[in-house]
Amino acid sequence: MMQHSNPLSAYRAARSAMPVRAQEADVFRRVTGSLRAALDGGAESTLRRARALSDNRRLWLAVEGVLVDPTNGLPPPLRASIISVGRTVLKEMESEKPDLAFLIEVNENIAAGLAGTG
């Protein structure tokens, strides 16, 4: 068994051994955690909120990019449904005060689906 002296490299090694869908679910969970922290507020809430929304935007833009790729193996109706959800999320994030609870719920549902628990 390989020993890692750096916790970050150990995490990366463990994560790279995870199935792709589990890695994708993990990304959604991490972004959702940031949204939750922003929802909880605190002294740095404005900065935390901006960062969380930015990360969520980048995530959903990446998801859409993968789904519009003609070589994507998902069935076209499923791809179209996820793209539609993503565009709804992106539209919500463009509002003056995005509904973080809604964004969290969507991300949790996607993560659960990817992890096979939804």
PDB file of N, CA and C in Angstrom:
ATOM      1  N   MET A   1       0.843  -1.178   0.000  1.00  0.00           N
ATOM      2  CA  MET A   1       0.000   0.000   0.000  1.00  0.00           C
ATOM      3  C   MET A   1       0.889   1.243   0.000  1.00  0.00           C
ATOM      4  N   MET A   2       0.545   2.223  -0.812  1.00  0.00           N
ATOM      5  CA  MET A   2       1.339   3.438  -0.944  1.00  0.00           C
ATOM      6  C   MET A   2       1.083   4.355   0.240  1.00  0.00           C
ATOM      7  N   GLN A   3       2.167   4.886   0.827  1.00  0.00           N
ATOM      8  CA  GLN A   3       2.069   5.832   1.926  1.00  0.00           C
ATOM      9  C   GLN A   3       2.151   7.250   1.394  1.00  0.00           C
ATOM     10  N   HIS A   4       1.347   8.151   1.910  1.00  0.00           N
ATOM     11  CA  HIS A   4       1.357   9.555   1.513  1.00  0.00           C
ATOM     12  C   HIS A   4       1.663  10.399   2.746  1.00  0.00           C
ATOM     13  N   SER A   5       2.707  11.214   2.647  1.00  0.00           N
ATOM     14  CA  SER A   5       3.055  12.079   3.768  1.00  0.00           C
ATOM     15  C   SER A   5       2.208  13.346   3.769  1.00  0.00           C
ATOM     16  N   ASN A   6       1.619  13.673   2.647  1.00  0.00           N
ATOM     17  CA  ASN A   6       0.819  14.879   2.518  1.00  0.00           C
ATOM     18  C   ASN A   6      -0.655  14.478   2.465  1.00  0.00           C
ATOM     19  N   PRO A   7      -1.480  14.983   3.389  1.00  0.00           N
ATOM     20  CA  PRO A   7      -2.901  14.615   3.377  1.00  0.00           C
ATOM     21  C   PRO A   7      -3.599  14.940   2.064  1.00  0.00           C
ATOM     22  N   LEU A   8      -3.212  16.056   1.421  1.00  0.00           N
ATOM     23  CA  LEU A   8      -3.840  16.424   0.159  1.00  0.00           C
ATOM     24  C   LEU A   8      -3.529  15.396  -0.926  1.00  0.00           C
ATOM     25  N   SER A   9      -2.291  14.947  -1.001  1.00  0.00           N
ATOM     26  CA  SER A   9      -1.957  13.946  -2.023  1.00  0.00           C
ATOM     27  C   SER A   9      -2.635  12.617  -1.715  1.00  0.00           C
ATOM     28  N   ALA A  10      -2.813  12.290  -0.435  1.00  0.00           N
ATOM     29  CA  ALA A  10      -3.536  11.071  -0.062  1.00  0.00           C
ATOM     30  C   ALA A  10      -4.989  11.161  -0.495  1.00  0.00           C
ATOM     31  N   TYR A  11      -5.602  12.335  -0.282  1.00  0.00           N
ATOM     32  CA  TYR A  11      -6.987  12.539  -0.700  1.00  0.00           C
ATOM     33  C   TYR A  11      -7.111  12.398  -2.213  1.00  0.00           C
ATOM     34  N   ARG A  12      -6.200  13.024  -2.934  1.00  0.00           N
ATOM     35  CA  ARG A  12      -6.239  12.945  -4.398  1.00  0.00           C
ATOM     36  C   ARG A  12      -6.080  11.509  -4.883  1.00  0.00           C
ATOM     37  N   ALA A  13      -5.180  10.770  -4.267  1.00  0.00           N
ATOM     38  CA  ALA A  13      -4.980   9.377  -4.662  1.00  0.00           C
ATOM     39  C   ALA A  13      -6.233   8.552  -4.396  1.00  0.00           C
ATOM     40  N   ALA A  14      -6.841   8.754  -3.235  1.00  0.00           N
ATOM     41  CA  ALA A  14      -8.063   8.015  -2.903  1.00  0.00           C
ATOM     42  C   ALA A  14      -9.191   8.398  -3.842  1.00  0.00           C
ATOM     43  N   ARG A  15      -9.288   9.677  -4.141  1.00  0.00           N
ATOM     44  CA  ARG A  15     -10.356  10.153  -5.015  1.00  0.00           C
ATOM     45  C   ARG A  15     -10.190   9.619  -6.439  1.00  0.00           C
ATOM     46  N   SER A  16      -8.952   9.546  -6.914  1.00  0.00           N
ATOM     47  CA  SER A  16      -8.728   9.075  -8.284  1.00  0.00           C
ATOM     48  C   SER A  16      -9.105   7.607  -8.434  1.00  0.00           C
ATOM     49  N   ALA A  17      -9.148   6.873  -7.323  1.00  0.00           N
ATOM     50  CA  ALA A  17      -9.544   5.469  -7.371  1.00  0.00           C
ATOM     51  C   ALA A  17     -11.064   5.308  -7.354  1.00  0.00           C
ATOM     52  N   MET A  18     -11.785   6.389  -7.095  1.00  0.00           N
ATOM     53  CA  MET A  18     -13.248   6.345  -7.052  1.00  0.00           C
ATOM     54  C   MET A  18     -13.808   6.235  -8.469  1.00  0.00           C
ATOM     55  N   PRO A  19     -14.946   5.585  -8.622  1.00  0.00           N
ATOM     56  CA  PRO A  19     -15.607   5.578  -9.937  1.00  0.00           C
ATOM     57  C   PRO A  19     -15.940   7.020 -10.360  1.00  0.00           C
ATOM     58  N   VAL A  20     -16.030   7.248 -11.658  1.00  0.00           N
ATOM     59  CA  VAL A  20     -16.264   8.589 -12.191  1.00  0.00           C
ATOM     60  C   VAL A  20     -17.549   9.198 -11.635  1.00  0.00           C
ATOM     61  N   ARG A  21     -18.612   8.440 -11.593  1.00  0.00           N
ATOM     62  CA  ARG A  21     -19.880   8.989 -11.080  1.00  0.00           C
ATOM     63  C   ARG A  21     -19.763   9.402  -9.622  1.00  0.00           C
ATOM     64  N   ALA A  22     -19.003   8.637  -8.839  1.00  0.00           N
ATOM     65  CA  ALA A  22     -18.788   8.994  -7.435  1.00  0.00           C
ATOM     66  C   ALA A  22     -17.982  10.293  -7.343  1.00  0.00           C
ATOM     67  N   GLN A  23     -17.004  10.457  -8.226  1.00  0.00           N
ATOM     68  CA  GLN A  23     -16.233  11.701  -8.254  1.00  0.00           C
ATOM     69  C   GLN A  23     -17.132  12.883  -8.614  1.00  0.00           C
ATOM     70  N   GLU A  24     -18.004  12.669  -9.600  1.00  0.00           N
ATOM     71  CA  GLU A  24     -18.925  13.735 -10.000  1.00  0.00           C
ATOM     72  C   GLU A  24     -19.868  14.093  -8.851  1.00  0.00           C
ATOM     73  N   ALA A  25     -20.386  13.085  -8.158  1.00  0.00           N
ATOM     74  CA  ALA A  25     -21.261  13.333  -7.006  1.00  0.00           C
ATOM     75  C   ALA A  25     -20.500  14.100  -5.933  1.00  0.00           C
ATOM     76  N   ASP A  26     -19.233  13.769  -5.745  1.00  0.00           N
ATOM     77  CA  ASP A  26     -18.403  14.453  -4.761  1.00  0.00           C
ATOM     78  C   ASP A  26     -18.254  15.932  -5.100  1.00  0.00           C
ATOM     79  N   VAL A  27     -18.083  16.252  -6.371  1.00  0.00           N
ATOM     80  CA  VAL A  27     -17.970  17.657  -6.779  1.00  0.00           C
ATOM     81  C   VAL A  27     -19.263  18.396  -6.455  1.00  0.00           C
ATOM     82  N   PHE A  28     -20.394  17.797  -6.766  1.00  0.00           N
ATOM     83  CA  PHE A  28     -21.678  18.431  -6.435  1.00  0.00           C
ATOM     84  C   PHE A  28     -21.817  18.624  -4.924  1.00  0.00           C
ATOM     85  N   ARG A  29     -21.399  17.623  -4.135  1.00  0.00           N
ATOM     86  CA  ARG A  29     -21.494  17.752  -2.679  1.00  0.00           C
ATOM     87  C   ARG A  29     -20.591  18.859  -2.145  1.00  0.00           C
ATOM     88  N   ARG A  30     -19.402  19.000  -2.715  1.00  0.00           N
ATOM     89  CA  ARG A  30     -18.484  20.046  -2.259  1.00  0.00           C
ATOM     90  C   ARG A  30     -19.049  21.442  -2.559  1.00  0.00           C
ATOM     91  N   VAL A  31     -19.560  21.624  -3.776  1.00  0.00           N
ATOM     92  CA  VAL A  31     -20.149  22.918  -4.139  1.00  0.00           C
ATOM     93  C   VAL A  31     -21.382  23.186  -3.277  1.00  0.00           C
ATOM     94  N   THR A  32     -22.156  22.165  -3.024  1.00  0.00           N
ATOM     95  CA  THR A  32     -23.335  22.312  -2.173  1.00  0.00           C
ATOM     96  C   THR A  32     -22.933  22.703  -0.756  1.00  0.00           C
ATOM     97  N   GLY A  33     -21.843  22.161  -0.265  1.00  0.00           N
ATOM     98  CA  GLY A  33     -21.337  22.534   1.051  1.00  0.00           C
ATOM     99  C   GLY A  33     -20.997  24.019   1.107  1.00  0.00           C
ATOM    100  N   SER A  34     -20.422  24.537   0.037  1.00  0.00           N
ATOM    101  CA  SER A  34     -20.116  25.971  -0.028  1.00  0.00           C
ATOM    102  C   SER A  34     -21.395  26.801  -0.035  1.00  0.00           C
ATOM    103  N   LEU A  35     -22.395  26.332  -0.764  1.00  0.00           N
ATOM    104  CA  LEU A  35     -23.678  27.044  -0.782  1.00  0.00           C
ATOM    105  C   LEU A  35     -24.314  27.035   0.605  1.00  0.00           C
ATOM    106  N   ARG A  36     -24.213  25.910   1.303  1.00  0.00           N
ATOM    107  CA  ARG A  36     -24.755  25.805   2.658  1.00  0.00           C
ATOM    108  C   ARG A  36     -24.060  26.785   3.600  1.00  0.00           C
ATOM    109  N   ALA A  37     -22.738  26.849   3.493  1.00  0.00           N
ATOM    110  CA  ALA A  37     -21.977  27.776   4.339  1.00  0.00           C
ATOM    111  C   ALA A  37     -22.400  29.217   4.052  1.00  0.00           C
ATOM    112  N   ALA A  38     -22.658  29.521   2.787  1.00  0.00           N
ATOM    113  CA  ALA A  38     -23.099  30.871   2.415  1.00  0.00           C
ATOM    114  C   ALA A  38     -24.500  31.139   2.956  1.00  0.00           C
ATOM    115  N   LEU A  39     -25.338  30.119   2.961  1.00  0.00           N
ATOM    116  CA  LEU A  39     -26.704  30.260   3.472  1.00  0.00           C
ATOM    117  C   LEU A  39     -26.699  30.516   4.977  1.00  0.00           C
ATOM    118  N   ASP A  40     -25.756  29.888   5.675  1.00  0.00           N
ATOM    119  CA  ASP A  40     -25.668  30.038   7.126  1.00  0.00           C
ATOM    120  C   ASP A  40     -25.188  31.425   7.530  1.00  0.00           C
ATOM    121  N   GLY A  41     -24.607  32.157   6.597  1.00  0.00           N
ATOM    122  CA  GLY A  41     -24.180  33.526   6.896  1.00  0.00           C
ATOM    123  C   GLY A  41     -22.848  33.570   7.606  1.00  0.00           C
ATOM    124  N   GLY A  42     -22.718  34.498   8.521  1.00  0.00           N
ATOM    125  CA  GLY A  42     -21.467  34.656   9.241  1.00  0.00           C
ATOM    126  C   GLY A  42     -20.761  35.934   8.820  1.00  0.00           C
ATOM    127  N   ALA A  43     -19.622  36.167   9.423  1.00  0.00           N
ATOM    128  CA  ALA A  43     -18.884  37.409   9.194  1.00  0.00           C
ATOM    129  C   ALA A  43     -18.458  37.586   7.748  1.00  0.00           C
ATOM    130  N   GLU A  44     -18.125  36.510   7.090  1.00  0.00           N
ATOM    131  CA  GLU A  44     -17.646  36.599   5.704  1.00  0.00           C
ATOM    132  C   GLU A  44     -18.734  36.199   4.714  1.00  0.00           C
ATOM    133  N   SER A  45     -19.991  36.375   5.070  1.00  0.00           N
ATOM    134  CA  SER A  45     -21.083  35.827   4.266  1.00  0.00           C
ATOM    135  C   SER A  45     -21.144  36.390   2.850  1.00  0.00           C
ATOM    136  N   THR A  46     -20.848  37.671   2.648  1.00  0.00           N
ATOM    137  CA  THR A  46     -20.925  38.242   1.314  1.00  0.00           C
ATOM    138  C   THR A  46     -19.888  37.615   0.396  1.00  0.00           C
ATOM    139  N   LEU A  47     -18.660  37.519   0.882  1.00  0.00           N
ATOM    140  CA  LEU A  47     -17.589  36.903   0.098  1.00  0.00           C
ATOM    141  C   LEU A  47     -17.852  35.422  -0.102  1.00  0.00           C
ATOM    142  N   ARG A  48     -18.271  34.750   0.958  1.00  0.00           N
ATOM    143  CA  ARG A  48     -18.563  33.314   0.887  1.00  0.00           C
ATOM    144  C   ARG A  48     -19.687  33.044  -0.118  1.00  0.00           C
ATOM    145  N   ARG A  49     -20.703  33.887  -0.098  1.00  0.00           N
ATOM    146  CA  ARG A  49     -21.847  33.739  -1.016  1.00  0.00           C
ATOM    147  C   ARG A  49     -21.403  33.931  -2.464  1.00  0.00           C
ATOM    148  N   ALA A  50     -20.616  34.970  -2.715  1.00  0.00           N
ATOM    149  CA  ALA A  50     -20.131  35.232  -4.080  1.00  0.00           C
ATOM    150  C   ALA A  50     -19.290  34.066  -4.582  1.00  0.00           C
ATOM    151  N   ARG A  51     -18.428  33.543  -3.738  1.00  0.00           N
ATOM    152  CA  ARG A  51     -17.566  32.418  -4.129  1.00  0.00           C
ATOM    153  C   ARG A  51     -18.399  31.169  -4.396  1.00  0.00           C
ATOM    154  N   ALA A  52     -19.344  30.894  -3.509  1.00  0.00           N
ATOM    155  CA  ALA A  52     -20.188  29.704  -3.668  1.00  0.00           C
ATOM    156  C   ALA A  52     -21.008  29.786  -4.957  1.00  0.00           C
ATOM    157  N   LEU A  53     -21.567  30.954  -5.240  1.00  0.00           N
ATOM    158  CA  LEU A  53     -22.349  31.119  -6.470  1.00  0.00           C
ATOM    159  C   LEU A  53     -21.456  31.001  -7.694  1.00  0.00           C
ATOM    160  N   SER A  54     -20.258  31.546  -7.624  1.00  0.00           N
ATOM    161  CA  SER A  54     -19.314  31.442  -8.738  1.00  0.00           C
ATOM    162  C   SER A  54     -18.937  29.977  -8.996  1.00  0.00           C
ATOM    163  N   ASP A  55     -18.652  29.245  -7.930  1.00  0.00           N
ATOM    164  CA  ASP A  55     -18.315  27.822  -8.078  1.00  0.00           C
ATOM    165  C   ASP A  55     -19.492  27.040  -8.649  1.00  0.00           C
ATOM    166  N   ASN A  56     -20.697  27.355  -8.178  1.00  0.00           N
ATOM    167  CA  ASN A  56     -21.881  26.653  -8.680  1.00  0.00           C
ATOM    168  C   ASN A  56     -22.111  26.968 -10.158  1.00  0.00           C
ATOM    169  N   ARG A  57     -21.902  28.211 -10.535  1.00  0.00           N
ATOM    170  CA  ARG A  57     -22.048  28.603 -11.942  1.00  0.00           C
ATOM    171  C   ARG A  57     -21.050  27.831 -12.821  1.00  0.00           C
ATOM    172  N   ARG A  58     -19.802  27.794 -12.381  1.00  0.00           N
ATOM    173  CA  ARG A  58     -18.780  27.071 -13.155  1.00  0.00           C
ATOM    174  C   ARG A  58     -19.117  25.592 -13.259  1.00  0.00           C
ATOM    175  N   LEU A  59     -19.614  25.020 -12.176  1.00  0.00           N
ATOM    176  CA  LEU A  59     -20.001  23.610 -12.187  1.00  0.00           C
ATOM    177  C   LEU A  59     -21.082  23.357 -13.226  1.00  0.00           C
ATOM    178  N   TRP A  60     -22.150  24.168 -13.198  1.00  0.00           N
ATOM    179  CA  TRP A  60     -23.265  23.933 -14.113  1.00  0.00           C
ATOM    180  C   TRP A  60     -22.903  24.245 -15.560  1.00  0.00           C
ATOM    181  N   LEU A  61     -22.033  25.211 -15.783  1.00  0.00           N
ATOM    182  CA  LEU A  61     -21.561  25.469 -17.149  1.00  0.00           C
ATOM    183  C   LEU A  61     -20.735  24.293 -17.653  1.00  0.00           C
ATOM    184  N   ALA A  62     -19.930  23.703 -16.777  1.00  0.00           N
ATOM    185  CA  ALA A  62     -19.147  22.523 -17.158  1.00  0.00           C
ATOM    186  C   ALA A  62     -20.059  21.337 -17.462  1.00  0.00           C
ATOM    187  N   VAL A  63     -21.087  21.163 -16.633  1.00  0.00           N
ATOM    188  CA  VAL A  63     -22.050  20.071 -16.849  1.00  0.00           C
ATOM    189  C   VAL A  63     -22.712  20.237 -18.214  1.00  0.00           C
ATOM    190  N   GLU A  64     -23.152  21.445 -18.510  1.00  0.00           N
ATOM    191  CA  GLU A  64     -23.796  21.679 -19.809  1.00  0.00           C
ATOM    192  C   GLU A  64     -22.815  21.400 -20.951  1.00  0.00           C
ATOM    193  N   GLY A  65     -21.584  21.835 -20.787  1.00  0.00           N
ATOM    194  CA  GLY A  65     -20.575  21.588 -21.827  1.00  0.00           C
ATOM    195  C   GLY A  65     -20.379  20.107 -22.110  1.00  0.00           C
ATOM    196  N   VAL A  66     -20.366  19.308 -21.059  1.00  0.00           N
ATOM    197  CA  VAL A  66     -20.213  17.858 -21.219  1.00  0.00           C
ATOM    198  C   VAL A  66     -21.454  17.259 -21.884  1.00  0.00           C
ATOM    199  N   LEU A  67     -22.621  17.767 -21.521  1.00  0.00           N
ATOM    200  CA  LEU A  67     -23.865  17.190 -22.030  1.00  0.00           C
ATOM    201  C   LEU A  67     -24.153  17.555 -23.480  1.00  0.00           C
ATOM    202  N   VAL A  68     -23.679  18.690 -23.942  1.00  0.00           N
ATOM    203  CA  VAL A  68     -23.930  19.056 -25.342  1.00  0.00           C
ATOM    204  C   VAL A  68     -22.927  18.394 -26.286  1.00  0.00           C
ATOM    205  N   ASP A  69     -21.905  17.778 -25.744  1.00  0.00           N
ATOM    206  CA  ASP A  69     -20.919  17.071 -26.560  1.00  0.00           C
ATOM    207  C   ASP A  69     -21.598  15.878 -27.236  1.00  0.00           C
ATOM    208  N   PRO A  70     -21.544  15.817 -28.576  1.00  0.00           N
ATOM    209  CA  PRO A  70     -22.231  14.729 -29.280  1.00  0.00           C
ATOM    210  C   PRO A  70     -21.694  13.337 -28.945  1.00  0.00           C
ATOM    211  N   THR A  71     -20.504  13.243 -28.378  1.00  0.00           N
ATOM    212  CA  THR A  71     -19.956  11.935 -28.020  1.00  0.00           C
ATOM    213  C   THR A  71     -20.395  11.485 -26.624  1.00  0.00           C
ATOM    214  N   ASN A  72     -21.170  12.313 -25.922  1.00  0.00           N
ATOM    215  CA  ASN A  72     -21.658  11.952 -24.601  1.00  0.00           C
ATOM    216  C   ASN A  72     -22.543  10.711 -24.726  1.00  0.00           C
ATOM    217  N   GLY A  73     -22.324   9.739 -23.854  1.00  0.00           N
ATOM    218  CA  GLY A  73     -23.033   8.464 -23.949  1.00  0.00           C
ATOM    219  C   GLY A  73     -24.400   8.412 -23.294  1.00  0.00           C
ATOM    220  N   LEU A  74     -24.805   9.470 -22.613  1.00  0.00           N
ATOM    221  CA  LEU A  74     -26.137   9.455 -22.004  1.00  0.00           C
ATOM    222  C   LEU A  74     -27.215   9.549 -23.078  1.00  0.00           C
ATOM    223  N   PRO A  75     -28.367   8.970 -22.815  1.00  0.00           N
ATOM    224  CA  PRO A  75     -29.478   9.076 -23.779  1.00  0.00           C
ATOM    225  C   PRO A  75     -29.862  10.548 -23.983  1.00  0.00           C
ATOM    226  N   PRO A  76     -30.138  10.942 -25.231  1.00  0.00           N
ATOM    227  CA  PRO A  76     -30.487  12.345 -25.508  1.00  0.00           C
ATOM    228  C   PRO A  76     -31.597  12.922 -24.631  1.00  0.00           C
ATOM    229  N   PRO A  77     -32.678  12.184 -24.334  1.00  0.00           N
ATOM    230  CA  PRO A  77     -33.713  12.785 -23.472  1.00  0.00           C
ATOM    231  C   PRO A  77     -33.188  13.103 -22.064  1.00  0.00           C
ATOM    232  N   LEU A  78     -32.340  12.254 -21.518  1.00  0.00           N
ATOM    233  CA  LEU A  78     -31.765  12.504 -20.197  1.00  0.00           C
ATOM    234  C   LEU A  78     -30.825  13.709 -20.248  1.00  0.00           C
ATOM    235  N   ARG A  79     -30.013  13.765 -21.281  1.00  0.00           N
ATOM    236  CA  ARG A  79     -29.117  14.918 -21.442  1.00  0.00           C
ATOM    237  C   ARG A  79     -29.918  16.207 -21.524  1.00  0.00           C
ATOM    238  N   ALA A  80     -30.993  16.203 -22.307  1.00  0.00           N
ATOM    239  CA  ALA A  80     -31.833  17.395 -22.458  1.00  0.00           C
ATOM    240  C   ALA A  80     -32.460  17.790 -21.126  1.00  0.00           C
ATOM    241  N   SER A  81     -32.893  16.812 -20.336  1.00  0.00           N
ATOM    242  CA  SER A  81     -33.501  17.107 -19.031  1.00  0.00           C
ATOM    243  C   SER A  81     -32.495  17.749 -18.085  1.00  0.00           C
ATOM    244  N   ILE A  82     -31.288  17.211 -18.057  1.00  0.00           N
ATOM    245  CA  ILE A  82     -30.267  17.761 -17.158  1.00  0.00           C
ATOM    246  C   ILE A  82     -29.849  19.153 -17.624  1.00  0.00           C
ATOM    247  N   ILE A  83     -29.756  19.349 -18.925  1.00  0.00           N
ATOM    248  CA  ILE A  83     -29.444  20.687 -19.454  1.00  0.00           C
ATOM    249  C   ILE A  83     -30.528  21.675 -19.044  1.00  0.00           C
ATOM    250  N   SER A  84     -31.783  21.250 -19.117  1.00  0.00           N
ATOM    251  CA  SER A  84     -32.895  22.113 -18.718  1.00  0.00           C
ATOM    252  C   SER A  84     -32.795  22.491 -17.240  1.00  0.00           C
ATOM    253  N   VAL A  85     -32.483  21.527 -16.406  1.00  0.00           N
ATOM    254  CA  VAL A  85     -32.301  21.800 -14.975  1.00  0.00           C
ATOM    255  C   VAL A  85     -31.150  22.788 -14.792  1.00  0.00           C
ATOM    256  N   GLY A  86     -30.049  22.550 -15.497  1.00  0.00           N
ATOM    257  CA  GLY A  86     -28.892  23.428 -15.392  1.00  0.00           C
ATOM    258  C   GLY A  86     -29.210  24.856 -15.799  1.00  0.00           C
ATOM    259  N   ARG A  87     -29.983  25.003 -16.845  1.00  0.00           N
ATOM    260  CA  ARG A  87     -30.341  26.366 -17.286  1.00  0.00           C
ATOM    261  C   ARG A  87     -31.257  27.045 -16.277  1.00  0.00           C
ATOM    262  N   THR A  88     -32.102  26.279 -15.623  1.00  0.00           N
ATOM    263  CA  THR A  88     -32.942  26.834 -14.568  1.00  0.00           C
ATOM    264  C   THR A  88     -32.073  27.298 -13.401  1.00  0.00           C
ATOM    265  N   VAL A  89     -31.082  26.494 -13.054  1.00  0.00           N
ATOM    266  CA  VAL A  89     -30.146  26.859 -11.984  1.00  0.00           C
ATOM    267  C   VAL A  89     -29.400  28.137 -12.365  1.00  0.00           C
ATOM    268  N   LEU A  90     -28.881  28.188 -13.585  1.00  0.00           N
ATOM    269  CA  LEU A  90     -28.139  29.369 -14.024  1.00  0.00           C
ATOM    270  C   LEU A  90     -29.021  30.610 -14.035  1.00  0.00           C
ATOM    271  N   LYS A  91     -30.271  30.445 -14.455  1.00  0.00           N
ATOM    272  CA  LYS A  91     -31.197  31.579 -14.466  1.00  0.00           C
ATOM    273  C   LYS A  91     -31.461  32.061 -13.042  1.00  0.00           C
ATOM    274  N   GLU A  92     -31.629  31.136 -12.114  1.00  0.00           N
ATOM    275  CA  GLU A  92     -31.850  31.501 -10.713  1.00  0.00           C
ATOM    276  C   GLU A  92     -30.647  32.272 -10.166  1.00  0.00           C
ATOM    277  N   MET A  93     -29.461  31.873 -10.559  1.00  0.00           N
ATOM    278  CA  MET A  93     -28.258  32.533 -10.051  1.00  0.00           C
ATOM    279  C   MET A  93     -28.079  33.932 -10.631  1.00  0.00           C
ATOM    280  N   GLU A  94     -28.766  34.228 -11.716  1.00  0.00           N
ATOM    281  CA  GLU A  94     -28.711  35.571 -12.295  1.00  0.00           C
ATOM    282  C   GLU A  94     -29.639  36.551 -11.587  1.00  0.00           C
ATOM    283  N   SER A  95     -30.542  36.030 -10.761  1.00  0.00           N
ATOM    284  CA  SER A  95     -31.464  36.920 -10.060  1.00  0.00           C
ATOM    285  C   SER A  95     -30.703  37.751  -9.024  1.00  0.00           C
ATOM    286  N   GLU A  96     -31.327  38.839  -8.593  1.00  0.00           N
ATOM    287  CA  GLU A  96     -30.680  39.737  -7.641  1.00  0.00           C
ATOM    288  C   GLU A  96     -30.332  39.024  -6.331  1.00  0.00           C
ATOM    289  N   LYS A  97     -31.246  38.195  -5.863  1.00  0.00           N
ATOM    290  CA  LYS A  97     -31.017  37.417  -4.639  1.00  0.00           C
ATOM    291  C   LYS A  97     -31.340  35.952  -4.921  1.00  0.00           C
ATOM    292  N   PRO A  98     -30.347  35.203  -5.420  1.00  0.00           N
ATOM    293  CA  PRO A  98     -30.607  33.797  -5.739  1.00  0.00           C
ATOM    294  C   PRO A  98     -31.076  33.013  -4.509  1.00  0.00           C
ATOM    295  N   ASP A  99     -31.979  32.109  -4.744  1.00  0.00           N
ATOM    296  CA  ASP A  99     -32.526  31.254  -3.692  1.00  0.00           C
ATOM    297  C   ASP A  99     -31.529  30.121  -3.425  1.00  0.00           C
ATOM    298  N   LEU A 100     -30.684  30.300  -2.405  1.00  0.00           N
ATOM    299  CA  LEU A 100     -29.654  29.304  -2.115  1.00  0.00           C
ATOM    300  C   LEU A 100     -30.254  27.963  -1.723  1.00  0.00           C
ATOM    301  N   ALA A 101     -31.371  27.974  -1.013  1.00  0.00           N
ATOM    302  CA  ALA A 101     -32.009  26.716  -0.621  1.00  0.00           C
ATOM    303  C   ALA A 101     -32.422  25.915  -1.861  1.00  0.00           C
ATOM    304  N   PHE A 102     -32.937  26.592  -2.872  1.00  0.00           N
ATOM    305  CA  PHE A 102     -33.308  25.935  -4.122  1.00  0.00           C
ATOM    306  C   PHE A 102     -32.066  25.345  -4.795  1.00  0.00           C
ATOM    307  N   LEU A 103     -30.999  26.126  -4.877  1.00  0.00           N
ATOM    308  CA  LEU A 103     -29.763  25.653  -5.516  1.00  0.00           C
ATOM    309  C   LEU A 103     -29.194  24.449  -4.776  1.00  0.00           C
ATOM    310  N   ILE A 104     -29.243  24.496  -3.457  1.00  0.00           N
ATOM    311  CA  ILE A 104     -28.762  23.377  -2.641  1.00  0.00           C
ATOM    312  C   ILE A 104     -29.584  22.128  -2.921  1.00  0.00           C
ATOM    313  N   GLU A 105     -30.904  22.286  -2.972  1.00  0.00           N
ATOM    314  CA  GLU A 105     -31.788  21.137  -3.211  1.00  0.00           C
ATOM    315  C   GLU A 105     -31.524  20.501  -4.575  1.00  0.00           C
ATOM    316  N   VAL A 106     -31.362  21.317  -5.599  1.00  0.00           N
ATOM    317  CA  VAL A 106     -31.079  20.786  -6.938  1.00  0.00           C
ATOM    318  C   VAL A 106     -29.757  20.024  -6.922  1.00  0.00           C
ATOM    319  N   ASN A 107     -28.716  20.647  -6.362  1.00  0.00           N
ATOM    320  CA  ASN A 107     -27.406  19.989  -6.331  1.00  0.00           C
ATOM    321  C   ASN A 107     -27.453  18.681  -5.545  1.00  0.00           C
ATOM    322  N   GLU A 108     -28.176  18.680  -4.423  1.00  0.00           N
ATOM    323  CA  GLU A 108     -28.292  17.453  -3.630  1.00  0.00           C
ATOM    324  C   GLU A 108     -28.976  16.343  -4.424  1.00  0.00           C
ATOM    325  N   ASN A 109     -30.003  16.700  -5.170  1.00  0.00           N
ATOM    326  CA  ASN A 109     -30.701  15.700  -5.981  1.00  0.00           C
ATOM    327  C   ASN A 109     -29.796  15.141  -7.080  1.00  0.00           C
ATOM    328  N   ILE A 110     -29.021  16.010  -7.705  1.00  0.00           N
ATOM    329  CA  ILE A 110     -28.103  15.539  -8.748  1.00  0.00           C
ATOM    330  C   ILE A 110     -27.031  14.643  -8.136  1.00  0.00           C
ATOM    331  N   ALA A 111     -26.469  15.058  -7.003  1.00  0.00           N
ATOM    332  CA  ALA A 111     -25.443  14.247  -6.322  1.00  0.00           C
ATOM    333  C   ALA A 111     -25.997  12.877  -5.937  1.00  0.00           C
ATOM    334  N   ALA A 112     -27.223  12.860  -5.418  1.00  0.00           N
ATOM    335  CA  ALA A 112     -27.851  11.595  -5.040  1.00  0.00           C
ATOM    336  C   ALA A 112     -28.046  10.695  -6.255  1.00  0.00           C
ATOM    337  N   GLY A 113     -28.473  11.286  -7.363  1.00  0.00           N
ATOM    338  CA  GLY A 113     -28.640  10.501  -8.580  1.00  0.00           C
ATOM    339  C   GLY A 113     -27.321   9.922  -9.079  1.00  0.00           C
ATOM    340  N   LEU A 114     -26.283  10.726  -9.011  1.00  0.00           N
ATOM    341  CA  LEU A 114     -24.960  10.251  -9.436  1.00  0.00           C
ATOM    342  C   LEU A 114     -24.423   9.154  -8.523  1.00  0.00           C
ATOM    343  N   ALA A 115     -24.730   9.279  -7.239  1.00  0.00           N
ATOM    344  CA  ALA A 115     -24.253   8.302  -6.263  1.00  0.00           C
ATOM    345  C   ALA A 115     -25.134   7.066  -6.226  1.00  0.00           C
ATOM    346  N   GLY A 116     -26.257   7.103  -6.947  1.00  0.00           N
ATOM    347  CA  GLY A 116     -27.170   5.961  -6.965  1.00  0.00           C
ATOM    348  C   GLY A 116     -28.039   5.876  -5.738  1.00  0.00           C
ATOM    349  N   THR A 117     -28.178   7.009  -5.024  1.00  0.00           N
ATOM    350  CA  THR A 117     -29.002   6.990  -3.815  1.00  0.00           C
ATOM    351  C   THR A 117     -30.277   7.803  -3.984  1.00  0.00           C
ATOM    352  N   GLY A 118     -30.518   8.306  -5.209  1.00  0.00           N
ATOM    353  CA  GLY A 118     -31.687   9.156  -5.390  1.00  0.00           C
ATOM    354  C   GLY A 118     -32.745   8.538  -6.233  1.00  0.00           C
TER     355      GLY A 118
END
